N, C-alpha and C. Protein backbone atom coordinates (compact mmCIF):
# COMPACT_ATOMS: atom_id res chain seq x y z
N UNK A 1 -61.28 7.14 -40.30
CA UNK A 1 -61.86 5.96 -39.65
C UNK A 1 -61.29 4.51 -39.56
N UNK A 2 -61.43 4.07 -38.27
CA UNK A 2 -60.83 2.61 -38.05
C UNK A 2 -62.12 1.73 -37.56
N UNK A 3 -61.91 0.21 -37.56
CA UNK A 3 -62.41 -0.89 -37.81
C UNK A 3 -62.54 -0.42 -35.90
N UNK A 4 -61.63 -0.56 -35.51
CA UNK A 4 -62.18 -0.52 -33.68
C UNK A 4 -62.89 0.84 -33.13
N UNK A 5 -63.04 2.02 -33.62
CA UNK A 5 -63.79 2.74 -33.69
C UNK A 5 -65.33 2.62 -33.95
N UNK A 6 -65.60 1.91 -35.25
CA UNK A 6 -66.72 1.71 -35.50
C UNK A 6 -67.66 0.63 -34.49
N UNK A 7 -66.83 -0.66 -34.21
CA UNK A 7 -67.22 -1.63 -33.19
C UNK A 7 -67.70 -0.91 -31.95
N UNK A 8 -66.90 0.17 -31.58
CA UNK A 8 -67.36 0.97 -30.16
C UNK A 8 -68.47 1.64 -30.23
N UNK A 9 -68.55 2.02 -31.25
CA UNK A 9 -69.90 2.98 -31.65
C UNK A 9 -71.22 2.26 -31.25
N UNK A 10 -72.09 2.86 -30.73
CA UNK A 10 -73.29 2.19 -30.74
C UNK A 10 -74.34 2.90 -31.77
N UNK A 11 -74.83 2.05 -32.90
CA UNK A 11 -75.30 2.53 -33.79
C UNK A 11 -77.07 2.45 -33.90
N UNK A 12 -77.74 3.56 -34.42
CA UNK A 12 -79.02 3.90 -34.44
C UNK A 12 -79.54 3.07 -35.44
N UNK A 13 -80.84 2.93 -35.40
CA UNK A 13 -81.28 2.50 -37.01
C UNK A 13 -81.16 3.30 -37.75
N UNK A 14 -81.29 4.82 -37.58
CA UNK A 14 -81.26 5.89 -38.60
C UNK A 14 -79.62 5.82 -39.15
N UNK A 15 -78.32 5.47 -38.22
CA UNK A 15 -77.31 5.52 -38.80
C UNK A 15 -76.99 4.44 -40.07
N UNK A 16 -77.63 3.27 -39.43
CA UNK A 16 -77.33 1.85 -40.53
C UNK A 16 -78.36 2.51 -41.95
N UNK A 17 -79.63 2.87 -41.84
CA UNK A 17 -80.13 2.71 -42.94
C UNK A 17 -79.23 4.47 -43.95
N UNK A 18 -79.27 5.32 -43.22
CA UNK A 18 -78.70 6.11 -44.55
C UNK A 18 -77.30 5.62 -44.27
N UNK A 19 -76.55 4.98 -43.53
CA UNK A 19 -74.98 4.63 -43.80
C UNK A 19 -75.39 3.87 -45.06
N UNK A 20 -76.52 2.53 -45.32
CA UNK A 20 -76.37 2.27 -46.50
C UNK A 20 -76.54 2.82 -47.48
N UNK A 21 -77.40 4.08 -47.73
CA UNK A 21 -77.32 4.78 -48.93
C UNK A 21 -76.13 5.88 -49.16
N UNK A 22 -75.05 5.82 -47.64
CA UNK A 22 -74.15 6.57 -48.04
C UNK A 22 -72.97 5.96 -48.76
N UNK A 23 -73.18 4.63 -48.32
CA UNK A 23 -72.38 3.68 -48.84
C UNK A 23 -72.22 3.37 -50.31
N UNK A 24 -73.67 3.36 -50.72
CA UNK A 24 -73.81 2.82 -52.22
C UNK A 24 -73.60 4.35 -53.22
N UNK A 25 -73.95 5.70 -52.57
CA UNK A 25 -73.46 6.99 -52.98
C UNK A 25 -71.72 7.08 -53.30
N UNK A 26 -70.95 6.74 -52.09
CA UNK A 26 -69.51 6.39 -51.95
C UNK A 26 -69.46 5.53 -53.28
N UNK A 27 -69.88 4.40 -53.44
CA UNK A 27 -69.61 3.15 -54.46
C UNK A 27 -69.55 4.00 -55.90
N UNK A 28 -70.98 4.61 -56.10
CA UNK A 28 -70.96 4.88 -57.27
C UNK A 28 -69.90 6.29 -57.38
N UNK A 29 -69.66 7.24 -56.63
CA UNK A 29 -68.46 8.28 -56.63
C UNK A 29 -67.42 7.62 -56.94
N UNK A 30 -66.88 6.73 -56.49
CA UNK A 30 -65.59 6.08 -56.49
C UNK A 30 -65.46 5.55 -57.61
N UNK A 31 -66.63 4.76 -58.37
CA UNK A 31 -66.48 3.92 -59.25
C UNK A 31 -66.44 5.43 -60.68
N UNK A 32 -67.17 6.17 -60.49
CA UNK A 32 -67.50 7.53 -61.60
C UNK A 32 -66.49 8.31 -61.47
N UNK A 33 -65.51 8.86 -60.24
CA UNK A 33 -64.73 9.48 -60.21
C UNK A 33 -63.43 9.61 -59.74
N UNK A 34 -63.39 7.63 -59.90
CA UNK A 34 -61.98 7.25 -59.74
C UNK A 34 -60.99 7.32 -58.41
N UNK A 35 -62.17 7.45 -57.05
CA UNK A 35 -61.41 7.78 -56.26
C UNK A 35 -60.90 9.31 -55.91
N UNK A 36 -61.72 10.11 -56.40
CA UNK A 36 -61.60 11.36 -56.16
C UNK A 36 -62.58 11.89 -54.73
N UNK A 37 -62.13 12.55 -53.95
CA UNK A 37 -62.79 13.00 -52.64
C UNK A 37 -64.06 13.62 -53.00
N UNK A 38 -64.99 13.31 -52.05
CA UNK A 38 -66.36 14.28 -52.17
C UNK A 38 -67.09 14.47 -50.64
N UNK A 39 -67.14 15.86 -50.78
CA UNK A 39 -67.63 16.83 -49.27
C UNK A 39 -68.75 16.01 -48.57
N UNK A 40 -68.95 15.83 -47.47
CA UNK A 40 -69.87 15.59 -46.49
C UNK A 40 -71.32 16.21 -47.41
N UNK A 41 -71.41 17.61 -48.12
CA UNK A 41 -72.56 18.09 -48.22
C UNK A 41 -72.71 17.30 -49.41
N UNK A 42 -71.85 17.05 -50.68
CA UNK A 42 -71.89 16.69 -51.69
C UNK A 42 -72.39 15.22 -51.68
N UNK A 43 -71.96 14.54 -51.02
CA UNK A 43 -72.09 13.09 -50.76
C UNK A 43 -73.42 12.75 -50.12
N UNK A 44 -73.87 13.86 -49.42
CA UNK A 44 -75.39 13.51 -49.32
C UNK A 44 -76.60 13.96 -50.32
N UNK A 45 -75.99 15.09 -51.04
CA UNK A 45 -76.60 15.20 -52.55
C UNK A 45 -76.72 14.16 -53.45
N UNK A 46 -75.55 13.47 -53.45
CA UNK A 46 -75.42 12.58 -54.44
C UNK A 46 -76.74 11.35 -53.82
N UNK A 47 -76.38 10.93 -52.51
CA UNK A 47 -77.48 10.43 -51.87
C UNK A 47 -78.65 10.21 -52.28
N UNK A 48 -78.91 11.56 -51.80
CA UNK A 48 -80.57 12.28 -52.41
C UNK A 48 -80.65 11.88 -53.97
N UNK A 49 -79.89 12.23 -54.46
CA UNK A 49 -79.99 12.14 -56.28
C UNK A 49 -80.50 10.51 -56.39
N UNK A 50 -79.67 9.51 -55.98
CA UNK A 50 -80.04 8.21 -56.09
C UNK A 50 -81.53 7.80 -55.50
N UNK A 51 -81.54 8.39 -54.16
CA UNK A 51 -82.84 8.04 -53.33
C UNK A 51 -83.77 9.05 -53.37
N UNK A 52 -84.58 9.96 -54.18
CA UNK A 52 -85.36 11.09 -54.17
C UNK A 52 -86.35 11.20 -53.16
N UNK A 53 -86.83 9.89 -53.00
CA UNK A 53 -88.20 9.54 -51.81
C UNK A 53 -87.80 9.33 -50.57
N UNK A 54 -86.42 9.15 -50.17
CA UNK A 54 -86.07 8.75 -48.81
C UNK A 54 -85.88 10.33 -47.92
N UNK A 55 -87.29 10.08 -47.22
CA UNK A 55 -87.52 11.23 -46.05
C UNK A 55 -86.35 11.10 -45.55
N UNK A 56 -85.97 9.88 -44.29
CA UNK A 56 -84.88 10.23 -43.38
C UNK A 56 -83.60 11.25 -44.11
N UNK A 57 -83.27 10.49 -45.25
CA UNK A 57 -82.25 10.99 -45.92
C UNK A 57 -82.22 12.34 -46.42
N UNK A 58 -83.42 12.75 -46.39
CA UNK A 58 -83.66 14.14 -46.89
C UNK A 58 -83.49 15.10 -45.60
N UNK A 59 -83.93 14.62 -44.48
CA UNK A 59 -83.32 15.68 -43.44
C UNK A 59 -81.93 15.08 -42.73
N UNK A 60 -80.98 14.43 -43.75
CA UNK A 60 -79.90 14.38 -42.77
C UNK A 60 -78.86 15.44 -43.50
N UNK A 61 -77.96 15.94 -42.47
CA UNK A 61 -77.26 16.82 -42.34
C UNK A 61 -76.00 16.46 -42.45
N UNK A 62 -74.87 17.28 -43.07
CA UNK A 62 -73.28 16.89 -42.96
C UNK A 62 -72.69 16.51 -41.48
N UNK A 63 -73.52 17.40 -40.15
CA UNK A 63 -72.69 17.07 -39.05
C UNK A 63 -73.20 15.57 -38.71
N UNK A 64 -74.17 15.19 -38.94
CA UNK A 64 -74.18 13.56 -38.66
C UNK A 64 -73.53 12.82 -39.85
N UNK A 65 -73.28 12.65 -40.62
CA UNK A 65 -72.75 11.70 -41.37
C UNK A 65 -71.35 10.99 -40.36
N UNK A 66 -70.89 11.42 -39.40
CA UNK A 66 -69.88 10.70 -39.07
C UNK A 66 -69.89 9.23 -38.57
N UNK A 67 -71.67 9.22 -38.13
CA UNK A 67 -71.95 7.68 -37.57
C UNK A 67 -71.92 6.73 -38.93
N UNK A 68 -72.61 7.35 -39.93
CA UNK A 68 -73.03 6.82 -41.11
C UNK A 68 -71.61 6.37 -41.78
N UNK A 69 -70.47 7.16 -41.60
CA UNK A 69 -69.26 6.73 -42.27
C UNK A 69 -68.81 5.78 -41.36
N UNK A 70 -68.76 5.45 -40.15
CA UNK A 70 -68.57 4.66 -39.25
C UNK A 70 -68.91 3.33 -39.72
N UNK A 71 -70.29 3.34 -39.87
CA UNK A 71 -70.94 2.32 -40.43
C UNK A 71 -70.52 1.75 -41.47
N UNK A 72 -69.89 2.54 -42.43
CA UNK A 72 -69.30 2.44 -44.13
C UNK A 72 -67.76 1.68 -43.70
N UNK A 73 -67.73 2.11 -42.90
CA UNK A 73 -66.02 1.54 -42.50
C UNK A 73 -65.63 0.48 -41.69
N UNK A 74 -66.85 0.31 -40.75
CA UNK A 74 -67.22 -0.37 -40.08
C UNK A 74 -66.88 -2.44 -41.17
N UNK A 75 -67.99 -1.70 -42.29
CA UNK A 75 -68.20 -2.84 -43.06
C UNK A 75 -67.21 -3.24 -43.71
N UNK A 76 -66.41 -2.19 -44.55
CA UNK A 76 -65.52 -2.33 -44.84
C UNK A 76 -64.26 -3.10 -44.39
N UNK A 77 -63.83 -2.76 -43.04
CA UNK A 77 -62.74 -3.73 -42.42
C UNK A 77 -63.69 -5.04 -42.06
N UNK A 78 -64.58 -5.23 -41.95
CA UNK A 78 -65.12 -6.62 -41.54
C UNK A 78 -64.90 -7.39 -42.56
N UNK A 79 -65.15 -6.81 -43.88
CA UNK A 79 -65.12 -8.09 -45.18
C UNK A 79 -63.77 -7.49 -46.02
N UNK A 80 -62.86 -6.99 -45.38
CA UNK A 80 -61.34 -7.12 -46.22
C UNK A 80 -61.62 -6.01 -47.36
N UNK A 81 -62.42 -4.83 -47.32
CA UNK A 81 -62.40 -3.99 -48.15
C UNK A 81 -61.61 -2.93 -47.75
N UNK A 82 -61.06 -2.24 -48.98
CA UNK A 82 -60.70 -0.71 -48.52
C UNK A 82 -61.54 0.11 -48.06
N UNK A 83 -60.98 0.95 -47.51
CA UNK A 83 -62.05 1.84 -46.55
C UNK A 83 -62.74 2.70 -47.53
N UNK A 84 -64.22 2.55 -48.16
CA UNK A 84 -64.67 3.52 -48.77
C UNK A 84 -64.71 4.85 -48.21
N UNK A 85 -65.13 4.74 -46.87
CA UNK A 85 -65.31 6.31 -46.32
C UNK A 85 -64.46 7.45 -46.55
N UNK A 86 -63.04 6.73 -46.79
CA UNK A 86 -62.02 7.80 -46.87
C UNK A 86 -62.00 8.57 -48.15
N UNK A 87 -62.99 8.56 -48.65
CA UNK A 87 -63.47 9.67 -50.29
C UNK A 87 -63.97 10.45 -49.08
N UNK A 88 -64.85 10.61 -48.60
CA UNK A 88 -65.54 11.69 -47.83
C UNK A 88 -65.17 12.63 -47.07
N UNK A 89 -65.14 13.81 -47.49
CA UNK A 89 -63.67 14.63 -46.74
C UNK A 89 -64.71 15.89 -46.48
N UNK A 90 -64.44 16.92 -45.37
CA UNK A 90 -64.86 18.05 -44.79
C UNK A 90 -64.18 19.14 -46.21
N UNK A 91 -65.24 19.89 -46.17
CA UNK A 91 -65.13 21.13 -47.49
C UNK A 91 -63.92 22.06 -47.12
N UNK A 92 -63.86 22.30 -45.83
CA UNK A 92 -62.80 23.17 -45.18
C UNK A 92 -61.00 22.72 -45.32
N UNK A 93 -61.28 21.43 -45.16
CA UNK A 93 -59.81 20.83 -45.32
C UNK A 93 -59.59 19.85 -46.26
N UNK A 94 -60.51 20.02 -47.11
CA UNK A 94 -60.28 18.58 -48.25
C UNK A 94 -59.74 17.41 -47.51
N UNK A 95 -59.94 17.03 -46.47
CA UNK A 95 -59.24 15.69 -45.92
C UNK A 95 -60.44 15.23 -45.00
N UNK A 96 -60.13 13.68 -44.87
CA UNK A 96 -61.24 12.67 -43.83
C UNK A 96 -60.87 13.16 -42.74
N UNK A 97 -61.90 12.71 -41.80
CA UNK A 97 -62.15 13.17 -40.38
C UNK A 97 -60.84 12.75 -39.80
N UNK A 98 -60.24 13.69 -38.72
CA UNK A 98 -59.23 13.44 -38.13
C UNK A 98 -59.13 11.64 -37.48
N UNK A 99 -60.28 11.12 -37.37
CA UNK A 99 -60.43 9.87 -36.77
C UNK A 99 -59.55 8.92 -37.82
N UNK A 100 -59.58 8.84 -39.51
CA UNK A 100 -59.20 8.57 -40.18
C UNK A 100 -57.34 8.05 -40.06
N UNK A 101 -57.23 6.65 -40.10
CA UNK A 101 -55.70 6.52 -39.75
C UNK A 101 -55.29 5.93 -41.14
N UNK A 102 -55.98 5.66 -42.14
CA UNK A 102 -55.19 4.70 -43.44
C UNK A 102 -54.43 5.55 -44.13
N UNK A 103 -53.79 5.24 -45.11
CA UNK A 103 -52.94 5.61 -46.17
C UNK A 103 -53.91 6.11 -47.29
N UNK A 104 -53.95 7.67 -47.01
CA UNK A 104 -55.57 7.96 -47.72
C UNK A 104 -55.24 8.22 -49.40
N UNK A 105 -54.29 8.39 -49.91
CA UNK A 105 -53.71 8.24 -51.64
C UNK A 105 -54.11 7.04 -51.77
N UNK A 106 -53.28 6.03 -51.37
CA UNK A 106 -53.40 4.76 -51.62
C UNK A 106 -54.73 4.27 -51.57
N UNK A 107 -55.35 4.41 -50.25
CA UNK A 107 -56.84 4.16 -50.07
C UNK A 107 -57.43 4.50 -51.47
N UNK A 108 -57.52 5.58 -51.38
CA UNK A 108 -58.58 6.23 -52.25
C UNK A 108 -58.15 5.36 -53.95
N UNK A 109 -57.03 5.60 -53.97
CA UNK A 109 -56.98 4.45 -55.33
C UNK A 109 -57.42 3.17 -55.14
N UNK A 110 -57.30 2.31 -53.90
CA UNK A 110 -57.72 1.06 -53.91
C UNK A 110 -59.47 0.95 -54.14
N UNK A 111 -60.04 2.24 -53.83
CA UNK A 111 -61.48 1.75 -53.61
C UNK A 111 -62.16 2.02 -55.07
N UNK A 112 -61.39 2.64 -55.56
CA UNK A 112 -61.78 3.05 -57.04
C UNK A 112 -61.74 1.69 -57.89
N UNK A 113 -61.32 0.97 -57.52
CA UNK A 113 -60.96 -0.62 -58.13
C UNK A 113 -62.01 -1.62 -57.65
N UNK A 114 -62.51 -1.62 -56.64
CA UNK A 114 -63.49 -2.70 -55.94
C UNK A 114 -64.55 -2.55 -57.00
N UNK A 115 -64.96 -3.65 -57.39
CA UNK A 115 -66.54 -4.02 -57.93
C UNK A 115 -67.14 -4.00 -56.50
N UNK A 116 -67.96 -2.71 -56.17
CA UNK A 116 -68.74 -2.58 -55.04
C UNK A 116 -70.07 -3.11 -55.25
N UNK A 117 -70.56 -3.38 -56.70
CA UNK A 117 -71.87 -4.15 -56.78
C UNK A 117 -71.99 -5.69 -56.38
N UNK A 118 -70.87 -6.38 -56.29
CA UNK A 118 -70.61 -7.61 -55.96
C UNK A 118 -70.46 -7.81 -54.45
N UNK A 119 -70.03 -6.70 -53.60
CA UNK A 119 -69.98 -6.42 -52.58
C UNK A 119 -71.31 -5.96 -51.58
N UNK A 120 -72.16 -5.77 -52.73
CA UNK A 120 -73.65 -5.94 -51.86
C UNK A 120 -74.39 -7.03 -51.33
N UNK A 121 -74.33 -8.39 -51.26
CA UNK A 121 -74.61 -9.21 -50.65
C UNK A 121 -74.33 -9.03 -49.38
N UNK A 122 -72.75 -8.87 -49.34
CA UNK A 122 -72.34 -8.59 -48.13
C UNK A 122 -72.37 -7.27 -47.15
N UNK A 123 -72.74 -6.25 -47.73
CA UNK A 123 -73.41 -5.29 -47.06
C UNK A 123 -74.54 -5.22 -46.88
N UNK A 124 -75.77 -5.95 -47.33
CA UNK A 124 -76.88 -6.22 -47.10
C UNK A 124 -77.15 -7.14 -45.61
N UNK A 125 -75.77 -8.13 -45.56
CA UNK A 125 -75.91 -8.95 -44.49
C UNK A 125 -75.70 -8.21 -43.47
N UNK A 126 -74.26 -7.38 -43.60
CA UNK A 126 -73.64 -6.52 -42.70
C UNK A 126 -74.99 -5.83 -41.81
N UNK A 127 -75.80 -5.27 -42.73
CA UNK A 127 -76.60 -4.22 -42.31
C UNK A 127 -77.76 -4.98 -41.30
N UNK A 128 -78.13 -6.31 -41.76
CA UNK A 128 -78.96 -6.89 -41.01
C UNK A 128 -78.05 -7.32 -40.01
N UNK A 129 -77.25 -7.58 -39.44
CA UNK A 129 -76.58 -7.70 -37.91
C UNK A 129 -76.33 -6.48 -37.64
N UNK A 130 -76.30 -5.44 -37.81
CA UNK A 130 -75.84 -4.12 -37.20
C UNK A 130 -77.87 -3.66 -36.54
N UNK A 131 -78.60 -4.15 -37.61
CA UNK A 131 -80.15 -3.68 -37.38
C UNK A 131 -80.44 -4.64 -35.84
N UNK A 132 -79.79 -5.75 -35.96
CA UNK A 132 -80.08 -6.94 -34.75
C UNK A 132 -79.53 -6.57 -33.34
N UNK A 133 -78.28 -5.81 -33.78
CA UNK A 133 -77.76 -5.51 -32.29
C UNK A 133 -77.65 -3.63 -32.05
N UNK A 134 -78.53 -3.29 -32.40
CA UNK A 134 -79.43 -2.25 -32.12
C UNK A 134 -79.83 -2.19 -30.72
N UNK A 135 -79.70 -1.31 -29.78
CA UNK A 135 -80.16 -1.69 -28.21
C UNK A 135 -81.61 -1.70 -28.48
N UNK A 136 -82.22 -2.84 -27.90
CA UNK A 136 -84.33 -2.33 -27.70
C UNK A 136 -84.32 -1.04 -26.92
N UNK A 137 -83.78 -0.55 -26.65
CA UNK A 137 -84.16 1.15 -25.36
C UNK A 137 -83.92 2.03 -27.00
N UNK A 138 -83.58 1.69 -27.82
CA UNK A 138 -83.70 2.91 -28.80
C UNK A 138 -84.58 2.89 -29.92
N UNK A 139 -85.85 3.29 -29.33
CA UNK A 139 -86.87 3.02 -30.15
C UNK A 139 -87.40 4.42 -31.14
N UNK A 140 -87.24 4.32 -32.32
CA UNK A 140 -87.59 5.47 -32.90
C UNK A 140 -88.96 6.34 -32.80
N UNK A 141 -88.97 7.74 -33.09
CA UNK A 141 -90.22 8.27 -32.75
C UNK A 141 -90.74 9.01 -33.73
N UNK A 142 -91.73 9.62 -33.85
CA UNK A 142 -92.01 10.31 -35.03
C UNK A 142 -91.39 11.85 -35.22
N UNK A 143 -91.30 12.51 -35.92
CA UNK A 143 -90.60 13.83 -36.06
C UNK A 143 -90.94 14.86 -34.93
N UNK A 144 -92.34 14.95 -34.86
CA UNK A 144 -93.23 15.93 -33.87
C UNK A 144 -92.84 15.87 -32.48
N UNK A 145 -92.95 14.41 -32.16
CA UNK A 145 -92.53 14.05 -30.61
C UNK A 145 -90.65 14.59 -30.37
N UNK A 146 -90.30 14.16 -31.18
CA UNK A 146 -88.77 14.45 -31.19
C UNK A 146 -88.84 15.79 -31.12
N UNK A 147 -89.53 16.85 -32.12
CA UNK A 147 -89.12 18.39 -32.01
C UNK A 147 -89.78 18.54 -30.61
N UNK A 148 -90.67 17.99 -30.00
CA UNK A 148 -91.20 18.54 -28.64
C UNK A 148 -90.25 18.27 -27.51
N UNK A 149 -89.41 17.02 -27.82
CA UNK A 149 -88.60 16.17 -26.52
C UNK A 149 -87.21 17.35 -26.69
N UNK A 150 -87.04 17.95 -28.04
CA UNK A 150 -85.80 19.05 -27.87
C UNK A 150 -86.13 20.09 -27.27
N UNK A 151 -87.53 20.75 -27.93
CA UNK A 151 -87.48 21.87 -27.05
C UNK A 151 -87.81 21.61 -25.36
N UNK A 152 -88.29 20.60 -25.12
CA UNK A 152 -88.87 21.04 -23.65
C UNK A 152 -86.98 21.09 -23.12
N UNK A 153 -85.95 20.29 -23.34
CA UNK A 153 -84.75 19.85 -23.15
C UNK A 153 -84.41 21.50 -23.27
N UNK A 154 -84.20 21.83 -24.87
CA UNK A 154 -83.83 23.30 -24.70
C UNK A 154 -84.05 24.44 -23.63
N UNK A 155 -85.39 24.29 -23.82
CA UNK A 155 -85.88 25.57 -22.52
C UNK A 155 -85.16 25.04 -21.37
N UNK A 156 -84.67 23.95 -20.78
CA UNK A 156 -84.54 24.21 -19.66
C UNK A 156 -83.00 23.88 -19.58
N UNK A 157 -82.27 23.76 -20.75
CA UNK A 157 -80.72 23.94 -20.88
C UNK A 157 -80.14 24.77 -21.79
N UNK A 158 -80.80 26.16 -21.60
CA UNK A 158 -80.57 26.91 -22.51
C UNK A 158 -79.02 27.35 -22.97
N UNK A 159 -78.21 27.10 -21.76
CA UNK A 159 -76.95 27.81 -21.95
C UNK A 159 -76.09 26.44 -22.55
N UNK A 160 -76.49 25.69 -21.99
CA UNK A 160 -75.82 24.21 -22.99
C UNK A 160 -76.05 24.07 -24.44
N UNK A 161 -77.23 24.95 -24.61
CA UNK A 161 -77.18 24.94 -26.73
C UNK A 161 -77.64 26.35 -27.11
N UNK A 162 -76.11 27.04 -26.48
CA UNK A 162 -76.27 28.23 -27.05
C UNK A 162 -75.73 28.46 -28.51
N UNK A 163 -74.71 27.35 -28.57
CA UNK A 163 -73.95 27.48 -29.67
C UNK A 163 -74.68 26.84 -31.10
N UNK A 164 -75.57 26.11 -30.34
CA UNK A 164 -76.38 24.97 -31.22
C UNK A 164 -76.90 25.73 -33.10
N UNK A 165 -76.01 25.48 -33.92
CA UNK A 165 -76.92 25.72 -35.13
C UNK A 165 -78.26 25.16 -35.45
N UNK A 166 -79.00 25.59 -36.79
CA UNK A 166 -79.72 25.07 -37.32
C UNK A 166 -79.41 23.68 -37.83
N UNK A 167 -78.32 23.69 -38.50
CA UNK A 167 -78.04 22.31 -38.74
C UNK A 167 -77.81 21.08 -37.78
N UNK A 168 -77.72 21.94 -36.04
CA UNK A 168 -77.18 21.06 -35.25
C UNK A 168 -78.93 20.59 -34.83
N UNK A 169 -79.27 21.58 -34.65
CA UNK A 169 -80.86 21.09 -34.52
C UNK A 169 -81.18 20.48 -34.88
N UNK A 170 -80.93 19.92 -36.26
CA UNK A 170 -82.01 19.09 -37.47
C UNK A 170 -81.30 18.07 -36.64
N UNK A 171 -80.07 17.56 -36.53
CA UNK A 171 -79.50 16.61 -36.52
C UNK A 171 -80.24 16.03 -34.88
N UNK A 172 -79.83 16.70 -34.18
CA UNK A 172 -80.55 16.84 -32.68
C UNK A 172 -81.68 15.56 -32.92
N UNK A 173 -82.61 16.19 -33.56
CA UNK A 173 -83.72 16.29 -34.06
C UNK A 173 -83.89 14.41 -34.68
N UNK A 174 -82.95 14.26 -35.40
CA UNK A 174 -82.88 12.93 -35.92
C UNK A 174 -82.11 12.05 -34.82
N UNK A 175 -81.19 12.55 -34.25
CA UNK A 175 -80.80 11.73 -33.29
C UNK A 175 -82.08 11.24 -32.37
N UNK A 176 -82.71 12.23 -31.78
CA UNK A 176 -83.99 11.78 -30.74
C UNK A 176 -84.95 10.94 -31.64
N UNK A 177 -85.46 11.37 -33.18
CA UNK A 177 -86.46 10.50 -33.89
C UNK A 177 -85.72 8.83 -33.83
N UNK A 178 -84.21 8.98 -33.97
CA UNK A 178 -83.67 7.21 -33.82
C UNK A 178 -83.62 6.55 -32.35
N UNK A 179 -84.45 7.53 -31.37
CA UNK A 179 -84.30 6.91 -29.87
C UNK A 179 -83.29 7.42 -29.07
N UNK A 180 -82.79 8.26 -29.50
CA UNK A 180 -81.56 8.93 -28.37
C UNK A 180 -82.21 9.72 -27.35
N UNK A 181 -82.14 10.08 -26.20
CA UNK A 181 -82.87 11.07 -25.52
C UNK A 181 -82.01 12.27 -25.93
N UNK A 182 -82.43 13.73 -25.44
CA UNK A 182 -81.94 14.89 -25.71
C UNK A 182 -80.36 15.09 -25.40
N UNK A 183 -80.01 15.20 -24.43
CA UNK A 183 -78.89 15.30 -23.99
C UNK A 183 -78.02 14.16 -24.70
N UNK A 184 -78.48 13.18 -24.89
CA UNK A 184 -77.15 12.02 -25.30
C UNK A 184 -77.19 12.46 -26.95
N UNK A 185 -77.93 12.91 -27.80
CA UNK A 185 -78.46 13.78 -28.98
C UNK A 185 -77.30 14.72 -29.13
N UNK A 186 -77.35 15.78 -28.46
CA UNK A 186 -76.86 16.84 -27.94
C UNK A 186 -75.35 16.55 -27.63
N UNK A 187 -74.68 15.49 -27.06
CA UNK A 187 -73.56 15.61 -26.25
C UNK A 187 -72.59 14.79 -27.96
N UNK A 188 -73.76 14.07 -28.64
CA UNK A 188 -73.22 13.20 -30.20
C UNK A 188 -73.12 14.82 -30.81
N UNK A 189 -73.83 15.01 -30.96
CA UNK A 189 -73.92 16.40 -32.30
C UNK A 189 -72.28 17.34 -31.89
N UNK A 190 -72.65 18.16 -30.56
CA UNK A 190 -71.28 18.69 -30.00
C UNK A 190 -69.60 17.69 -30.25
N UNK A 191 -69.57 16.73 -29.57
CA UNK A 191 -68.57 15.66 -30.56
C UNK A 191 -68.49 15.83 -31.86
N UNK A 192 -69.43 15.58 -32.62
CA UNK A 192 -69.23 15.99 -34.30
C UNK A 192 -68.69 16.72 -34.77
N UNK A 193 -69.02 17.92 -34.14
CA UNK A 193 -68.83 19.56 -35.04
C UNK A 193 -67.52 19.60 -35.75
N UNK A 194 -66.94 19.49 -34.72
CA UNK A 194 -65.28 19.59 -35.01
C UNK A 194 -65.03 18.97 -36.46
N UNK A 195 -65.10 17.83 -36.46
CA UNK A 195 -64.93 17.08 -37.37
C UNK A 195 -65.61 16.96 -38.90
N UNK A 196 -67.29 16.67 -38.58
CA UNK A 196 -68.00 16.69 -40.12
C UNK A 196 -68.92 18.03 -39.94
N UNK A 197 -68.48 19.18 -39.42
CA UNK A 197 -69.63 20.41 -39.77
C UNK A 197 -69.12 20.96 -40.99
N UNK A 198 -69.93 21.42 -41.87
CA UNK A 198 -69.31 22.12 -42.98
C UNK A 198 -70.19 23.53 -42.76
N UNK A 199 -70.27 23.87 -41.67
CA UNK A 199 -70.86 25.39 -41.86
C UNK A 199 -72.35 25.32 -42.01
């Protein structure tokens, strides 16, 4: 992940809220496992274990983790921390996303030595600023209306949707719930599939 990528990305409220949970899980993992990598699926499982009643986190799927990791990377870059998101890896390659540009071994060691609890106030302030920057047009929706909007889109664009898996569909619904239109949600998931899908 790079800070320039993070600054160009338009975050939804879902990206920010799940990004905060993912950040906490990564910090916990960095300390406990001394900078060992963690797969996207295991990272989401750890975050769910830390926040078992978080419904949005319960709906999160690996293909959608890219924007959440961009949020974490953006925070780290903005505050001079090593990139905590470097610990998150694809199960197949056991490497971070191809967008990651850092010195992986060095950064993994560095994130293990940071006192991430001391960074929490800065992360909270970063999240407040990120929430304020979410475009007003991204109005959150409930799950049922999002599902209906996706189904209507799917019915009229079947050929464009033929390679959509169940996890892809879940992330598309999550993105529509976060305020994106179905076409933009589909494009975002298709772009993320190569880097963040774990099957």
